[in-house]
Protein backbone atom coordinates (compact mmCIF):
# COMPACT_ATOMS: atom_id res chain seq x y z
CA MET A 1 110.30 79.91 111.48
CA THR A 2 110.14 83.50 110.27
CA GLU A 3 109.77 86.40 112.63
CA ASN A 4 106.79 88.70 112.43
CA ALA A 5 106.72 92.36 113.31
CA GLN A 6 105.14 93.30 116.59
CA GLU A 7 103.93 96.85 117.12
CA VAL A 8 104.38 97.77 120.78
CA GLU A 9 103.02 101.01 122.18
CA VAL A 10 102.16 102.83 125.36
CA LYS A 11 99.42 105.45 125.42
CA TYR A 12 98.83 108.35 127.80
CA ALA A 13 96.07 110.88 128.31
CA VAL A 14 97.54 114.37 128.00
CA ARG A 15 96.42 116.95 130.57
CA ASP A 16 98.50 119.91 129.32
CA LEU A 17 99.11 119.83 125.57
CA ALA A 18 101.21 123.02 125.57
CA ALA A 19 103.55 121.58 128.23
CA LEU A 20 103.89 118.36 126.24
CA GLU A 21 104.66 120.22 123.02
CA ALA A 22 107.28 122.33 124.84
CA ALA A 23 108.89 119.19 126.33
CA LEU A 24 109.11 117.58 122.88
CA ILE A 25 110.69 120.74 121.42
CA ARG A 26 113.25 120.82 124.26
CA ARG A 27 114.24 117.27 123.29
CA GLY A 28 114.58 118.26 119.62
CA ALA A 29 111.38 116.63 118.37
CA VAL A 30 109.36 118.53 115.76
CA LEU A 31 105.77 117.41 115.26
CA SER A 32 104.45 116.96 111.74
CA PRO A 33 101.53 119.03 110.46
CA PRO A 34 98.19 117.62 111.65
CA ALA A 35 96.58 114.87 109.58
CA LEU A 36 93.00 113.66 109.91
CA GLN A 37 92.67 109.89 110.28
CA ASP A 38 89.29 108.24 109.84
CA ASP A 39 89.38 104.68 111.19
CA GLN A 40 86.73 101.98 111.20
CA ALA A 41 87.48 99.20 113.68
CA TYR A 42 86.23 95.62 113.22
CA ALA A 43 86.02 92.69 115.63
CA GLN A 44 86.39 89.01 114.95
CA PRO A 45 83.17 86.95 115.19
CA GLY A 46 82.33 86.03 118.79
CA TRP A 47 84.39 88.76 120.44
CA GLU A 48 82.59 91.40 122.53
CA TYR A 49 83.79 94.44 124.49
CA GLY A 50 84.70 93.40 128.00
CA GLN A 51 86.39 90.20 126.80
CA SER A 52 90.16 89.85 126.56
CA LYS A 53 91.71 91.02 123.29
CA ILE A 54 94.78 88.77 123.62
CA GLY A 55 95.01 86.32 120.73
CA VAL A 56 91.98 87.81 118.92
CA THR A 57 92.40 89.25 115.43
CA PHE A 58 91.02 92.74 114.82
CA ALA A 59 90.83 94.67 111.56
CA ARG A 60 90.92 98.37 110.75
CA LEU A 61 90.29 100.51 107.69
CA ARG A 62 92.00 103.90 107.82
CA THR A 63 91.75 106.83 105.46
CA GLN A 64 94.28 109.65 105.61
CA HIS A 65 94.85 112.16 102.77
CA ASP A 66 92.79 110.04 100.31
CA ARG A 67 95.02 107.04 101.08
CA HIS A 68 93.34 103.90 102.44
CA LEU A 69 95.09 101.34 104.64
CA PHE A 70 93.84 97.92 105.72
CA THR A 71 95.38 96.61 108.93
CA ILE A 72 94.95 93.53 111.04
CA LYS A 73 96.25 93.31 114.58
CA ARG A 74 96.45 90.39 117.00
CA PRO A 75 97.34 91.35 120.58
CA LEU A 76 100.03 89.21 122.20
CA ASP A 77 100.98 90.32 125.75
CA ASN A 78 98.18 92.91 126.00
CA ALA A 79 95.98 95.08 123.78
CA MET A 80 98.89 97.38 122.83
CA ALA A 81 101.50 94.77 121.92
CA CYS A 82 100.27 93.30 118.63
CA LEU A 83 101.34 91.33 115.61
CA GLU A 84 100.44 93.67 112.79
CA HIS A 85 100.03 93.40 109.04
CA GLU A 86 99.13 96.43 106.93
CA THR A 87 98.70 97.23 103.27
CA GLU A 88 97.41 100.07 101.14
CA ILE A 89 94.13 99.42 99.32
CA ALA A 90 92.50 101.19 96.39
CA ASP A 91 88.83 101.09 97.40
CA ARG A 92 87.78 101.52 101.04
CA GLU A 93 84.12 100.62 100.46
CA GLN A 94 84.96 97.40 98.63
CA MET A 95 87.42 96.45 101.37
CA HIS A 96 84.74 97.18 103.99
CA GLU A 97 82.40 94.79 102.18
CA ALA A 98 85.15 92.15 101.99
CA VAL A 99 85.95 92.45 105.72
CA VAL A 100 82.27 92.07 106.60
CA ALA A 101 81.97 89.10 104.19
CA MET A 102 84.86 87.46 106.10
CA GLY A 103 82.71 87.61 109.23
CA PHE A 104 84.19 90.64 110.97
CA ARG A 105 81.73 93.20 112.32
CA PRO A 106 82.19 96.97 112.47
CA THR A 107 82.56 98.18 116.06
CA VAL A 108 83.62 101.82 116.46
CA ARG A 109 84.47 104.67 114.11
CA ILE A 110 87.49 106.63 115.37
CA ARG A 111 88.30 110.06 114.00
CA LYS A 112 91.43 111.79 115.16
CA THR A 113 93.89 114.47 114.24
CA ARG A 114 97.42 113.05 114.43
CA ARG A 115 100.82 114.73 114.54
CA THR A 116 103.94 112.56 114.53
CA THR A 117 107.64 112.69 115.21
CA ARG A 118 110.53 110.36 116.03
CA LEU A 119 112.91 110.68 118.94
CA ALA A 120 115.67 108.27 119.94
CA GLY A 121 114.27 105.52 117.70
CA VAL A 122 110.76 105.86 119.12
CA ALA A 123 107.75 106.83 117.00
CA ILE A 124 105.61 109.41 118.77
CA CYS A 125 102.01 110.29 117.90
CA VAL A 126 100.07 113.15 119.46
CA ASP A 127 96.39 112.47 118.82
CA GLU A 128 93.30 114.58 119.37
CA VAL A 129 90.59 111.90 119.34
CA GLU A 130 86.97 112.90 118.79
CA HIS A 131 84.88 112.11 121.89
CA ALA A 132 87.87 110.82 123.89
CA GLY A 133 90.44 113.64 124.30
CA VAL A 134 94.14 114.24 123.69
CA PHE A 135 96.64 111.39 123.89
CA ILE A 136 100.27 110.65 123.17
CA GLU A 137 101.53 107.28 121.99
CA PHE A 138 105.11 106.03 122.06
CA GLU A 139 105.72 103.10 119.71
CA ARG A 140 108.41 100.71 118.58
CA THR A 141 108.29 97.84 116.13
CA VAL A 142 110.11 94.75 117.37
CA SER A 143 110.30 91.03 116.66
CA ASP A 144 107.38 88.91 117.83
CA GLN A 145 109.97 87.01 119.87
CA GLU A 146 110.54 90.03 122.15
CA SER A 147 108.45 90.62 125.24
CA GLY A 148 105.92 93.34 124.44
CA ALA A 149 105.52 94.06 128.16
CA ALA A 150 109.29 94.61 128.56
CA VAL A 151 109.35 96.99 125.58
CA GLN A 152 106.35 98.83 127.08
CA ASP A 153 108.28 99.24 130.33
CA GLU A 154 111.15 100.81 128.36
CA LEU A 155 108.74 103.09 126.50
CA ASP A 156 107.14 104.12 129.81
CA VAL A 157 110.54 105.20 131.18
CA PHE A 158 111.11 107.17 127.97
CA ALA A 159 107.67 108.83 128.20
CA ARG A 160 108.18 109.82 131.82
CA SER A 161 111.60 111.30 130.97
CA LEU A 162 109.74 114.13 129.21
CA GLY A 163 108.84 115.49 132.65
CA VAL A 164 105.16 116.26 131.91
CA GLU A 165 102.04 114.94 133.60
CA LEU A 166 100.80 111.89 131.69
CA GLU A 167 98.15 109.34 132.67
CA ARG A 168 98.93 105.89 131.27
CA MET A 169 96.01 104.22 129.53
CA ALA A 170 95.50 100.48 129.16
CA ASP A 171 92.74 100.78 126.55
CA THR A 172 92.96 101.17 122.80
CA TYR A 173 91.21 104.05 121.01
CA ASP A 174 88.23 101.93 120.01
CA SER A 175 87.55 101.07 123.66
CA LEU A 176 88.11 104.68 124.80
CA VAL A 177 85.79 106.12 122.14
CA ARG A 178 83.14 103.48 122.80
CA ALA A 179 83.24 104.22 126.56
CA ALA A 180 83.07 107.99 125.96
CA LEU A 181 80.06 107.63 123.66
CA ALA A 182 78.32 105.29 126.10
CA SER A 183 78.67 107.80 128.95
CA ALA A 184 77.56 110.81 126.87
């Protein structure tokens, strides 16, 4: 049996962006220039918000700097520990039509400005998400045989070692944006 890659992340709402940026600099992390990401999320037939995401396949189309990526994710331990497959595509609109033809339905459009860095083998993303706020994600890619929850515990310790106020979030960006738009 071959191993698949599992993307494991923890996400936090950021209360003080300047303090976070200073903490990253103190640790030697330099954030990349900002990049706009335009994501369209898709849900598998039969899945609705409020239901568990574990074991359900979700799709995403992302555009960044005129580059289009198609991604599918299937949460394992929780919504932020997923088997993931991703590939670059030439035509976003044609891929959208193909995803819809496969039965997936568009759910939420997520637009964010992302800056990235790496520190101690951890990918870090600082995201300013339209309608939802500022967040930081800490991410590692591991074997699907590893416990996503255990890796998340390690990432949480790492995040808290920065010494800034962070509020851990259990929801993915699509759920956060959807909730923000519903309460507006």
